Protein backbone atom coordinates (compact mmCIF):
# COMPACT_ATOMS: atom_id res chain seq x y z
CA MET A 1 -18.84 9.39 -18.31
CA ALA A 2 -22.09 8.11 -17.36
CA SER A 3 -23.32 8.28 -20.99
CA LEU A 4 -20.01 6.53 -22.08
CA GLN A 5 -20.49 3.74 -19.59
CA ASP A 6 -24.07 3.19 -20.44
CA ASN A 7 -23.31 2.80 -24.26
CA VAL A 8 -20.27 0.47 -23.62
CA LYS A 9 -22.84 -1.81 -21.47
CA GLN A 10 -25.60 -1.57 -24.13
CA ALA A 11 -22.98 -2.73 -26.85
CA MET A 12 -21.87 -5.65 -24.61
CA ARG A 13 -25.65 -6.64 -23.82
CA THR A 14 -26.14 -6.75 -27.69
CA ARG A 15 -22.88 -8.59 -28.44
CA ILE A 16 -24.06 -11.40 -25.75
CA ARG A 17 -27.53 -11.80 -27.14
CA SER A 18 -26.16 -11.90 -30.70
CA ARG A 19 -23.87 -14.85 -29.77
CA TRP A 20 -24.94 -18.45 -30.09
CA PRO A 21 -24.34 -19.85 -26.40
CA LEU A 22 -22.24 -23.07 -27.72
CA SER A 23 -19.74 -22.83 -24.95
CA GLU A 24 -22.49 -22.77 -22.24
CA LEU A 25 -24.52 -25.67 -24.05
CA VAL A 26 -20.86 -27.64 -23.92
CA MET A 27 -20.23 -26.89 -20.38
CA VAL A 28 -23.65 -28.07 -19.45
CA ALA A 29 -23.07 -31.21 -21.32
CA MET A 30 -19.85 -31.86 -19.59
CA VAL A 31 -21.40 -31.22 -15.91
CA VAL A 32 -24.19 -33.83 -16.76
CA LEU A 33 -21.66 -36.29 -18.15
CA ILE A 34 -19.65 -35.90 -14.92
CA GLY A 35 -22.59 -35.84 -12.85
CA TRP A 36 -23.49 -39.52 -14.20
CA ALA A 37 -20.16 -40.63 -13.73
CA ALA A 38 -20.16 -39.41 -10.21
CA TRP A 39 -23.14 -41.31 -9.47
CA LYS A 40 -21.80 -44.49 -10.95
CA ALA A 41 -18.69 -44.21 -8.92
CA TRP A 42 -20.85 -43.87 -5.75
CA GLU A 43 -22.57 -47.08 -6.53
CA VAL A 44 -19.24 -48.76 -6.97
CA VAL A 45 -17.86 -47.42 -3.94
CA ARG A 46 -21.26 -48.37 -1.86
CA GLN A 47 -20.68 -51.98 -2.93
CA VAL A 48 -17.08 -52.07 -2.20
CA ASP A 49 -18.06 -50.92 1.35
CA ASP A 50 -20.73 -53.42 1.42
CA HIS A 51 -18.27 -56.45 0.89
CA ARG A 52 -15.34 -55.44 3.13
CA ARG A 53 -14.43 -58.23 5.53
CA ILE A 54 -12.20 -56.12 7.89
CA ASP A 55 -13.13 -55.85 11.48
CA ARG A 56 -14.52 -52.39 11.98
CA ARG A 57 -13.37 -51.95 15.57
CA GLN A 58 -9.86 -52.91 14.90
CA GLN A 59 -9.66 -50.67 12.04
CA LEU A 60 -10.96 -47.74 13.99
CA GLN A 61 -8.51 -48.34 16.72
CA GLU A 62 -5.69 -48.47 14.22
CA MET A 63 -6.90 -45.26 12.80
CA SER A 64 -6.94 -43.61 16.20
CA ARG A 65 -3.54 -44.66 17.16
CA GLN A 66 -2.19 -43.54 13.71
CA ARG A 67 -3.82 -40.15 14.55
CA ALA A 68 -2.34 -39.80 17.57
CA GLU A 69 1.13 -40.78 16.03
CA LEU A 70 0.66 -38.39 13.25
CA SER A 71 -0.52 -35.45 15.94
CA ARG A 72 3.00 -36.12 17.72
CA LEU A 73 4.91 -36.14 14.32
CA LEU A 74 3.26 -33.01 13.38
CA GLU A 75 4.37 -31.33 16.74
CA LEU A 76 7.78 -32.56 16.12
CA TYR A 77 7.69 -30.88 12.91
CA ALA A 78 6.64 -27.63 14.41
CA VAL A 79 9.51 -27.89 16.76
CA ARG A 80 11.84 -28.53 14.03
CA ASP A 81 10.53 -25.48 12.21
CA ASP A 82 11.03 -23.41 15.41
CA TYR A 83 14.59 -24.54 15.44
CA PHE A 84 15.09 -23.64 11.74
CA SER A 85 13.74 -20.28 11.96
CA PHE A 86 16.49 -19.07 14.25
CA GLU A 87 18.61 -19.66 11.05
CA LYS A 88 16.11 -18.32 8.61
CA ASN A 89 14.87 -15.17 10.50
CA ALA A 90 17.25 -14.56 13.36
CA GLN A 91 20.65 -14.99 11.74
CA PRO A 92 19.85 -12.67 8.80
CA SER A 93 18.68 -9.88 11.22
CA VAL A 94 21.76 -10.08 13.44
CA GLN A 95 23.95 -10.12 10.60
CA GLU A 96 22.35 -6.94 9.07
CA MET A 97 22.56 -5.27 12.70
CA ARG A 98 26.25 -6.06 13.04
CA ALA A 99 26.91 -4.58 9.66
CA ALA A 100 24.52 -1.45 10.13
CA LEU A 101 26.31 -0.87 13.50
CA ARG A 102 29.62 -1.04 12.06
CA ARG A 103 28.79 0.97 9.31
CA PHE A 104 27.43 3.64 11.58
CA VAL A 105 30.50 3.77 13.86
CA GLN A 106 32.87 4.28 10.87
CA GLY A 107 30.55 6.82 8.95
CA ASN A 108 28.05 8.48 11.74
CA ASP A 109 25.43 8.15 9.07
CA ASN A 110 21.90 7.96 10.66
CA LYS A 111 20.60 6.01 7.79
CA ASP A 112 22.83 3.04 9.13
CA TRP A 113 21.31 3.39 12.59
CA ARG A 114 17.88 3.45 10.97
CA THR A 115 18.85 0.21 9.22
CA PHE A 116 19.80 -1.22 12.56
CA GLU A 117 16.57 -0.29 14.16
CA TRP A 118 14.56 -1.79 11.36
CA SER A 119 16.51 -5.07 11.85
CA ARG A 120 15.99 -4.91 15.52
CA ARG A 121 12.48 -4.36 15.26
CA ALA A 122 12.19 -7.51 12.67
CA LEU A 123 14.04 -9.70 15.03
CA GLN A 124 12.11 -8.64 18.18
CA SER A 125 8.82 -9.33 16.60
CA TRP A 126 10.09 -12.97 15.29
CA LEU A 127 11.18 -13.68 18.82
CA ASP A 128 7.85 -12.45 20.30
CA ARG A 129 5.82 -14.85 17.95
CA THR A 130 8.27 -17.78 18.46
CA GLU A 131 8.08 -17.45 22.24
CA GLN A 132 4.29 -17.40 22.08
CA ARG A 133 4.30 -20.57 20.28
CA ALA A 134 6.65 -22.09 22.30
CA ARG A 135 4.47 -21.11 25.50
CA ASN A 136 1.58 -22.76 24.18
CA ARG A 137 3.16 -26.08 23.29
CA ASP A 138 3.39 -29.10 26.00
CA LEU A 139 6.68 -30.72 25.09
CA ASN A 140 6.78 -33.57 27.97
CA GLU A 141 4.43 -35.80 26.03
CA LEU A 142 6.58 -35.41 22.94
CA LYS A 143 9.69 -36.30 24.57
CA GLY A 144 8.05 -39.31 26.06
CA TRP A 145 6.89 -40.29 22.54
CA MET A 146 10.51 -39.82 20.98
CA GLN A 147 12.07 -41.96 23.81
CA LYS A 148 9.62 -44.77 22.67
CA ARG A 149 10.22 -44.54 19.34
CA SER A 150 13.83 -44.21 19.36
CA VAL A 151 15.78 -46.73 17.54
CA THR A 152 17.74 -49.31 19.72
CA GLY A 153 21.47 -48.40 19.95
CA THR A 154 20.81 -44.59 19.11
CA ASN A 155 22.92 -42.14 21.22
CA ALA A 156 21.07 -40.00 23.53
CA GLY A 157 23.07 -36.99 22.08
CA ASP A 158 21.68 -37.66 18.51
CA ILE A 159 18.14 -36.97 19.55
CA ALA A 160 16.74 -33.64 19.69
CA SER A 161 16.66 -32.08 23.24
CA LEU A 162 13.37 -30.03 22.22
CA ASP A 163 14.31 -27.04 24.71
CA VAL A 164 13.03 -24.34 22.38
CA PRO A 165 11.94 -22.25 25.47
CA GLN A 166 15.48 -22.51 26.72
CA HIS A 167 17.19 -21.57 23.46
CA LEU A 168 14.87 -18.72 23.11
CA GLN A 169 15.55 -17.51 26.75
CA ARG A 170 19.25 -17.49 26.20
CA PHE A 171 18.82 -15.78 22.69
CA ARG A 172 16.78 -13.10 24.37
CA GLN A 173 19.01 -12.39 27.11
CA ALA A 174 22.05 -12.15 24.57
CA TYR A 175 19.73 -10.16 22.26
CA THR A 176 18.93 -7.72 25.10
CA GLU A 177 22.67 -7.10 26.12
CA TYR A 178 23.54 -6.63 22.50
CA VAL A 179 20.83 -4.01 21.79
CA ALA A 180 21.92 -2.21 25.18
CA SER A 181 25.27 -2.04 23.85
CA ALA A 182 24.44 -0.87 20.64
CA THR A 183 22.23 1.76 22.08
CA PHE A 184 25.02 2.89 24.24
CA VAL A 185 27.32 3.26 21.34
CA GLU A 186 24.69 5.28 19.47
CA GLN A 187 24.32 7.66 22.56
CA THR A 188 27.71 7.97 22.93
CA ILE A 189 28.47 9.10 19.37
CA ASN A 190 25.40 11.37 18.89
CA THR A 191 25.64 13.18 22.48
CA THR A 192 28.17 16.12 22.51
CA PRO A 193 29.09 17.34 25.71
CA THR A 194 28.71 20.91 26.85
CA ARG A 195 30.53 23.01 29.55
CA GLN A 196 28.02 22.20 32.29
CA PRO A 197 28.59 18.70 33.89
CA GLY A 198 26.02 16.23 34.17
CA THR A 199 23.76 17.63 31.28
CA THR A 200 23.30 16.81 27.73
CA LEU A 201 22.11 18.68 24.54
CA PRO A 202 19.51 17.34 21.89
CA ARG A 203 20.87 15.52 19.24
CA ARG A 204 22.55 17.18 16.13
CA VAL A 205 22.89 20.55 18.00
CA GLU A 206 25.60 22.50 16.55
CA THR A 207 28.03 23.78 19.20
CA THR A 208 31.75 24.47 20.07
CA ALA A 209 34.04 21.47 19.05
CA PRO A 210 34.93 19.40 22.27
CA ARG A 211 38.58 19.33 23.25
CA ASP A 212 40.75 16.53 21.65
CA SER A 213 41.17 14.80 24.78
CA ASP A 214 37.30 14.34 25.10
CA LEU A 215 37.19 13.24 21.35
CA VAL A 216 39.80 10.45 22.27
CA ARG A 217 38.17 9.40 25.26
CA ARG A 218 34.83 9.15 23.66
CA ARG A 219 36.38 7.11 20.94
CA GLU A 220 37.90 4.81 23.38
CA ILE A 221 34.78 4.23 24.94
CA VAL A 222 32.99 3.53 21.78
CA ASP A 223 35.81 1.19 20.68
CA GLU A 224 35.59 -0.62 24.05
CA ARG A 225 31.80 -0.99 23.74
CA MET A 226 31.88 -2.14 20.29
CA GLU A 227 34.23 -4.94 21.21
CA ILE A 228 31.75 -6.03 23.68
CA ALA A 229 28.76 -5.71 21.11
CA GLU A 230 30.73 -7.93 18.74
CA ALA A 231 31.09 -10.63 21.46
CA GLN A 232 27.57 -10.46 22.28
CA SER A 233 26.46 -10.64 18.63
CA LEU A 234 28.93 -13.64 18.08
CA ARG A 235 27.15 -15.27 20.96
CA LEU A 236 23.84 -14.82 19.49
CA LEU A 237 24.97 -16.33 16.14
CA ASP A 238 26.50 -19.36 18.21
CA ILE A 239 22.98 -19.80 19.79
CA VAL A 240 21.58 -19.67 16.07
CA GLU A 241 23.92 -22.46 15.25
CA GLN A 242 23.01 -24.56 18.27
CA ALA A 243 19.62 -24.26 17.33
CA HIS A 244 20.35 -25.35 13.64
CA ARG A 245 21.89 -28.36 15.10
CA GLU A 246 18.86 -29.17 17.40
CA GLY A 247 16.77 -28.82 14.25
CA THR A 248 18.87 -31.14 12.21
CA ALA A 249 18.72 -33.61 14.89
CA ALA A 250 14.82 -33.40 14.83
CA GLN A 251 14.95 -33.75 11.11
CA TRP A 252 17.26 -36.75 11.16
CA PHE A 253 14.77 -38.34 13.90
CA ILE A 254 11.70 -37.63 11.74
CA GLU A 255 13.57 -39.27 8.54
CA LEU A 256 14.56 -42.33 10.66
CA GLN A 257 10.95 -42.92 11.62
CA ALA A 258 9.94 -43.11 8.07
CA VAL A 259 12.55 -45.72 7.49
CA THR A 260 12.42 -47.90 10.61
CA GLN A 261 8.54 -47.56 11.69
CA PRO A 262 6.38 -46.32 8.82
CA PHE A 263 2.71 -45.87 9.45
CA ALA A 264 0.71 -49.20 8.55
CA ILE A 265 -1.86 -48.67 5.93
CA PRO A 266 -5.14 -50.58 6.52
CA ASP A 267 -5.63 -53.06 3.80
CA GLY A 268 -9.36 -53.25 2.48
CA GLY A 269 -8.78 -56.87 1.20
CA GLU A 270 -9.12 -57.93 -1.96
CA THR A 271 -12.57 -56.59 -2.50
CA LEU A 272 -11.32 -53.40 -4.06
CA GLN A 273 -9.34 -55.48 -6.52
CA ALA A 274 -12.25 -57.55 -7.64
CA PHE A 275 -14.23 -54.22 -8.35
CA GLN A 276 -11.47 -52.50 -10.14
CA SER A 277 -12.41 -53.63 -13.53
CA ARG A 278 -16.15 -52.08 -12.90
CA PHE A 279 -14.52 -48.74 -11.50
CA MET A 280 -11.87 -48.15 -14.45
CA PRO A 281 -14.64 -47.15 -17.25
CA VAL A 282 -16.19 -44.82 -14.53
CA LEU A 283 -12.78 -43.04 -14.05
CA TYR A 284 -12.15 -42.98 -17.77
CA THR A 285 -15.53 -41.24 -18.10
CA LEU A 286 -14.82 -38.74 -15.31
CA SER A 287 -11.27 -37.89 -16.86
CA ALA A 288 -12.71 -37.43 -20.42
CA GLY A 289 -15.62 -35.15 -19.02
CA LEU A 290 -12.85 -32.96 -16.90
CA VAL A 291 -10.48 -32.74 -19.98
CA GLY A 292 -13.47 -31.37 -21.80
CA LEU A 293 -14.58 -29.04 -19.30
CA CYS A 294 -11.10 -27.72 -19.12
CA ILE A 295 -11.09 -27.10 -22.67
CA VAL A 296 -14.38 -25.43 -22.75
CA SER A 297 -13.59 -23.48 -19.65
CA GLY A 298 -9.98 -22.13 -21.37
CA VAL A 299 -11.95 -21.01 -24.46
CA SER A 300 -14.71 -19.40 -22.40
CA MET A 301 -12.05 -17.96 -20.45
CA TYR A 302 -9.99 -16.51 -23.22
CA ARG A 303 -13.28 -15.12 -24.80
CA ARG A 304 -14.08 -13.31 -21.62
CA PHE A 305 -10.66 -11.95 -20.61
CA VAL A 306 -9.33 -11.29 -23.99
CA VAL A 307 -11.77 -10.90 -26.76
CA ALA A 308 -14.25 -8.91 -24.90
CA PRO A 309 -12.01 -6.34 -23.18
CA LEU A 310 -10.71 -5.87 -26.95
CA HIS A 311 -14.30 -5.30 -28.01
CA LEU A 312 -15.07 -3.18 -24.96
CA LYS A 313 -12.04 -0.92 -25.55
CA LEU A 314 -13.22 -0.61 -29.27
CA VAL A 315 -16.42 0.27 -28.05
CA GLU A 316 -15.04 2.73 -25.62
CA ARG A 317 -12.90 4.52 -28.29
CA GLU A 318 -15.72 4.90 -30.63
CA THR A 319 -18.01 6.28 -27.88
CA ILE A 320 -15.28 8.58 -26.52
CA MET A 321 -14.72 10.14 -30.01
CA GLU A 322 -18.46 10.71 -30.24
CA GLN A 323 -18.53 12.40 -26.96
CA GLN A 324 -15.48 14.41 -27.92
CA LYS A 325 -17.36 15.80 -30.95
CA LYS A 326 -20.45 16.34 -28.84
CA PHE A 327 -17.93 18.10 -26.29
CA ALA A 328 -16.64 20.67 -28.69
CA HIS A 329 -20.06 21.59 -30.07
CA PHE A 330 -21.13 22.25 -26.60
CA GLU A 331 -17.85 24.33 -25.95
CA LYS A 332 -18.64 26.71 -28.75
CA LEU A 333 -22.27 26.90 -27.63
CA ALA A 334 -21.16 27.68 -24.05
CA ALA A 335 -18.93 30.41 -25.16
CA VAL A 336 -21.93 32.01 -27.20
CA LEU A 337 -24.07 31.65 -24.44
CA ALA A 338 -21.53 32.99 -21.92
CA HIS A 339 -20.94 36.06 -24.30
CA GLU A 340 -24.63 37.00 -24.57
CA ILE A 341 -25.03 36.63 -20.96
CA LYS A 342 -22.04 39.07 -20.03
CA GLN A 343 -23.36 41.62 -22.25
CA PRO A 344 -26.67 42.18 -20.46
CA LEU A 345 -24.88 41.48 -17.03
CA SER A 346 -22.51 44.56 -17.76
CA ALA A 347 -25.34 46.86 -18.82
CA ILE A 348 -27.47 45.76 -15.69
CA ASN A 349 -24.57 46.21 -13.44
CA VAL A 350 -23.86 49.91 -14.91
CA TRP A 351 -27.55 50.85 -14.40
CA VAL A 352 -27.73 49.50 -10.88
CA TRP A 353 -24.56 51.41 -10.01
CA THR A 354 -26.27 54.60 -11.46
CA LEU A 355 -29.26 53.99 -9.79
CA GLN A 356 -27.40 53.32 -6.35
CA LYS A 357 -25.58 56.98 -6.74
CA THR A 358 -29.20 58.47 -6.42
CA LEU A 359 -30.18 56.86 -3.36
CA ALA A 360 -28.98 57.93 0.28
CA GLU A 361 -26.81 55.60 1.94
CA GLY A 362 -28.35 53.72 4.64
CA THR A 363 -31.75 53.34 3.05
CA ALA A 364 -33.21 49.95 2.21
CA GLU A 365 -33.05 51.02 -1.42
CA HIS A 366 -29.44 51.41 -1.32
CA LYS A 367 -28.83 48.38 0.54
CA GLY A 368 -30.89 46.42 -1.95
CA ALA A 369 -28.79 48.00 -5.01
CA THR A 370 -25.80 46.80 -3.07
CA VAL A 371 -27.18 43.29 -2.88
CA ILE A 372 -27.94 43.36 -6.32
CA ARG A 373 -24.41 44.55 -7.47
CA ASN A 374 -22.72 41.71 -5.21
CA GLU A 375 -25.09 39.03 -6.91
CA LEU A 376 -24.45 40.33 -10.19
CA ASN A 377 -20.47 40.48 -9.61
CA ARG A 378 -20.80 36.82 -8.81
CA VAL A 379 -22.88 35.77 -11.58
CA ASP A 380 -20.14 37.67 -13.79
CA GLN A 381 -17.26 35.65 -12.03
CA ILE A 382 -19.19 32.34 -12.48
CA VAL A 383 -19.37 33.13 -16.28
CA LYS A 384 -15.58 34.20 -16.43
CA ASP A 385 -14.67 31.05 -14.59
CA PHE A 386 -17.12 28.79 -16.92
CA LEU A 387 -15.25 30.40 -19.89
CA LYS A 388 -11.91 29.48 -18.62
CA LEU A 389 -13.31 25.81 -18.20
CA THR A 390 -14.72 25.42 -21.66
CA GLN A 391 -12.00 27.81 -23.32
CA PRO A 392 -8.84 27.06 -21.56
CA VAL A 393 -6.02 29.29 -22.71
CA ASP A 394 -2.81 27.14 -24.10
CA PRO A 395 0.13 27.65 -21.76
CA ARG A 396 3.26 29.38 -22.65
CA LEU A 397 5.70 27.04 -21.72
CA VAL A 398 9.14 28.19 -20.48
CA SER A 399 11.69 26.35 -18.56
CA MET A 400 11.50 27.09 -14.79
CA ARG A 401 12.34 26.05 -11.22
CA SER A 402 9.92 25.43 -8.51
CA GLU A 403 11.65 27.60 -5.88
CA PRO A 404 10.97 31.28 -7.17
CA LEU A 405 7.37 30.42 -7.93
CA LEU A 406 6.77 29.02 -4.37
CA ARG A 407 8.84 31.83 -2.67
CA GLU A 408 6.38 34.60 -4.87
CA ILE A 409 3.16 32.76 -3.59
CA VAL A 410 4.56 32.89 -0.02
CA GLU A 411 5.32 36.56 -0.22
CA LEU A 412 1.94 37.41 -2.04
CA LEU A 413 -0.29 35.53 0.52
CA ARG A 414 1.64 35.50 3.76
CA PRO A 415 0.36 38.82 5.13
CA LYS A 416 -3.20 37.72 4.64
CA LEU A 417 -2.68 34.60 6.27
CA ASP A 418 -1.09 36.01 9.30
CA ARG A 419 -4.10 37.90 10.06
CA ASN A 420 -5.80 34.59 10.59
CA GLY A 421 -3.02 33.02 12.30
CA ILE A 422 -2.16 30.62 9.68
CA LYS A 423 1.52 30.35 9.04
CA LEU A 424 2.62 29.93 5.32
CA ARG A 425 6.21 28.64 4.67
CA THR A 426 8.28 26.89 2.25
CA GLY A 427 9.79 23.56 2.86
CA ASP A 428 12.24 21.56 0.91
CA THR A 429 12.57 22.19 -2.67
CA SER A 430 13.85 20.61 -5.93
CA ASP A 431 16.22 22.34 -8.18
CA ALA A 432 15.08 20.30 -11.35
CA TRP A 433 13.70 22.11 -14.22
CA PHE A 434 10.41 21.41 -15.99
CA GLN A 435 8.24 23.25 -18.61
CA GLY A 436 5.67 25.26 -17.30
CA ASP A 437 3.63 28.76 -17.60
CA PRO A 438 4.43 30.60 -14.73
CA GLN A 439 1.11 32.51 -14.62
CA GLN A 440 -1.26 29.51 -14.93
CA LEU A 441 0.94 27.66 -12.26
CA LYS A 442 0.73 30.77 -9.90
CA GLN A 443 -3.23 30.56 -10.35
CA VAL A 444 -3.31 26.94 -9.34
CA LEU A 445 -1.21 27.30 -6.53
CA LEU A 446 -3.01 30.23 -5.28
CA ASN A 447 -6.29 28.41 -5.69
CA LEU A 448 -4.88 25.48 -3.47
CA VAL A 449 -3.33 27.81 -0.88
CA GLN A 450 -6.58 29.69 -0.53
CA ASN A 451 -8.72 26.34 -0.35
CA GLY A 452 -6.16 25.09 2.36
CA ALA A 453 -6.59 28.46 4.20
CA GLU A 454 -10.52 27.96 4.22
CA SER A 455 -10.04 24.54 5.42
CA ILE A 456 -7.86 25.64 8.41
CA GLY A 457 -9.96 28.62 9.32
CA GLU A 458 -7.73 29.85 12.02
CA ASN A 459 -4.32 29.00 13.61
CA GLY A 460 -2.81 26.55 11.30
CA GLN A 461 0.02 26.05 8.82
CA ILE A 462 0.42 25.72 5.24
CA THR A 463 3.71 24.29 3.85
CA LEU A 464 4.81 24.48 -0.01
CA ARG A 465 7.55 22.16 -1.15
CA SER A 466 8.84 20.34 -3.99
CA ARG A 467 10.54 17.22 -5.03
CA ARG A 468 12.01 15.18 -7.68
CA ASP A 469 10.60 11.64 -8.21
CA THR A 470 9.77 8.71 -10.72
CA LEU A 471 6.09 8.28 -11.03
CA LEU A 472 3.41 6.74 -13.32
CA LEU A 473 2.35 9.43 -15.47
CA ARG A 474 -0.07 9.09 -18.56
CA GLY A 475 0.43 5.43 -18.36
CA GLU A 476 4.34 5.74 -18.42
CA ARG A 477 6.96 5.67 -15.65
CA THR A 478 8.23 9.23 -15.86
CA ASP A 479 10.71 11.57 -13.87
CA VAL A 480 8.69 14.31 -12.35
CA VAL A 481 8.65 17.25 -10.32
CA VAL A 482 5.97 16.97 -7.63
CA ILE A 483 4.78 20.58 -6.19
CA GLU A 484 3.01 19.94 -3.06
CA VAL A 485 0.78 22.42 -0.74
CA GLU A 486 0.19 20.63 2.52
CA ASP A 487 -2.26 21.92 5.13
CA ASN A 488 -3.13 20.84 8.70
CA GLY A 489 -7.11 21.47 8.16
CA ALA A 490 -9.92 19.11 8.70
CA GLY A 491 -9.30 16.98 5.70
CA ILE A 492 -11.84 16.35 2.98
CA PRO A 493 -14.74 14.15 3.77
CA LEU A 494 -15.10 10.65 1.73
CA ASP A 495 -18.26 11.30 -0.14
CA VAL A 496 -16.62 15.02 -1.25
CA GLN A 497 -13.52 13.26 -2.51
CA GLU A 498 -15.28 11.56 -5.47
CA ARG A 499 -16.75 14.72 -6.76
CA LEU A 500 -13.99 17.12 -5.97
CA PHE A 501 -13.08 18.09 -9.43
CA ASP A 502 -16.67 18.34 -10.68
CA PRO A 503 -17.46 21.39 -12.33
CA PHE A 504 -20.05 23.64 -10.33
CA PHE A 505 -19.99 21.39 -7.16
CA SER A 506 -18.67 23.15 -4.13
CA THR A 507 -18.92 22.66 -0.38
CA LYS A 508 -18.83 26.49 0.21
CA GLU A 509 -21.65 28.67 0.79
CA ASN A 510 -20.73 31.22 -1.99
CA GLY A 511 -18.33 28.94 -3.98
CA THR A 512 -18.52 28.48 -7.80
CA GLY A 513 -17.34 24.98 -7.81
CA LEU A 514 -15.03 25.64 -10.80
CA GLY A 515 -11.60 26.40 -8.91
CA LEU A 516 -10.41 22.96 -8.77
CA ALA A 517 -11.89 21.98 -12.18
CA ILE A 518 -10.03 24.79 -13.85
CA ALA A 519 -6.77 23.89 -11.97
CA ALA A 520 -6.89 20.35 -13.12
CA ARG A 521 -7.55 21.48 -16.56
CA ILE A 522 -4.75 23.79 -16.70
CA ILE A 523 -2.30 21.03 -15.27
CA ASP A 524 -3.66 18.54 -17.78
CA ARG A 525 -2.58 20.78 -20.54
CA HIS A 526 0.83 20.93 -19.03
CA GLU A 527 0.67 17.26 -19.90
CA GLY A 528 0.87 16.82 -15.91
CA ALA A 529 -1.57 15.60 -13.14
CA LEU A 530 -3.35 17.18 -10.16
CA VAL A 531 -3.49 14.60 -7.22
CA PHE A 532 -4.26 14.72 -3.41
CA GLU A 533 -4.25 12.90 -0.35
CA THR A 534 -6.26 13.45 2.70
CA GLU A 535 -7.01 12.40 6.07
CA GLN A 536 -9.77 13.46 8.42
CA GLY A 537 -8.78 15.61 11.22
CA ARG A 538 -5.12 15.87 10.20
CA GLY A 539 -5.19 17.54 6.84
CA THR A 540 -4.76 17.33 3.00
CA THR A 541 -1.75 17.50 0.75
CA PHE A 542 -2.41 18.31 -2.89
CA GLY A 543 0.40 17.61 -5.48
CA ILE A 544 1.09 18.97 -8.80
CA VAL A 545 2.96 16.53 -10.92
CA LEU A 546 4.80 17.64 -13.99
CA PRO A 547 7.34 16.11 -16.12
CA ILE A 548 11.13 17.00 -15.88
CA ASP A 549 12.36 19.06 -18.76
CA LYS A 550 15.02 16.68 -20.25
CA LYS A 551 16.41 19.23 -22.52
């Protein structure tokens, strides 16, 4: 991969050197032109400023007054937005909470209650933010300013009250009462009485059905509280409507100010008109320079973001084809070398075994022979794994489901893991069919489970499960089965994640570094993907993503 990137970068540098920098020269010329026009415009502005006849002090006073007026107007805009936020943020949440609570009471579905809770949290967040803004705002000066700028003959009821904190306080009180009623309804529905008075069982505990009279009484209680909750929700919506009216009044006041008392704009006198004829040529020059700069920039961006990526892809494709040819030759060479290494290893191993038989057990020579045999076996295993990596066997695909495969893995590894206090269990499984080689997938799962057990060490849990999903696989949205292996070990460090699937990279003392590389190669030949998610101190989840068998 590093060679591919180096070749691509070299090709791009060659392309840049061979291209005449016409666009860059034009852009420099445009910048020079715009700079000259800006300098001339600065001279004109300076001359206009020198010839002004307006009293500077009066102008500053007028600007200060206008800034104060503008500040009050902006505060009024903020108050208006707070009022309108009742309708924009609070009303949809209240309506969604009402609908979700009704559906929950009718169908007793926890999804509806989770919808209620989500809407409640959203409403709570909006309420906290709005109250914080209201506490930080001083409305007394704003009210006095509105009284001064109110139009003669305007009714007092037509002016906004600006009592946002009071509306928020009433809304919070009604909201708290409504949530309490809804929570009481949820607890009444989800709590099943037992034979012992005064105690309750956990939610969703299966027990004997209560008596009909208990069910009737519980339904009556739920209906009564739902009536109270409906009345409380209507009170919330009524507060929202009142806030909307207050916001409308504030908006009407703002629009009325723009008509009756517009801000005065200081007049610079006739001097600006006298210099208009000198300023217009500079303006035309600036406009022409900007148009030219935009055209050149567009061409440059097209070359950079359209032409250059296409050229880059072409270079990458040619380089990848060349690398694939080299890798094919490398595979053949690796197979020959592995075969040649394996033969003398086998002979050495046999001779060491024969020699070990002639040595007395417990002697230093016997122990040395044992160490030599163990190291020979490890080298032999590395050669076998290397052959699997360079010459993977084509999978024998059959239609299969994940549940029998996961059950077999659990039965095979559970006794070994139990000795270390590691619980191996299966979670939810999908009944979707997919194409796979059972033996190769078994090899991958065994490797992932063993890696998880080594990450845990002792006293942990590994969970095998599968699910159906729609994910991006090989550049397309595909219906897939995801077989997951989750452990609660130490997680994978960030520096290790980047090299996790590199051959011969291992963090284990005696590891070959080929297990995950072979697993990824097997899944790739299944037209799938091997992915993982990890978190330091909480564990790792590996996922085998395989396309669903559409046949």
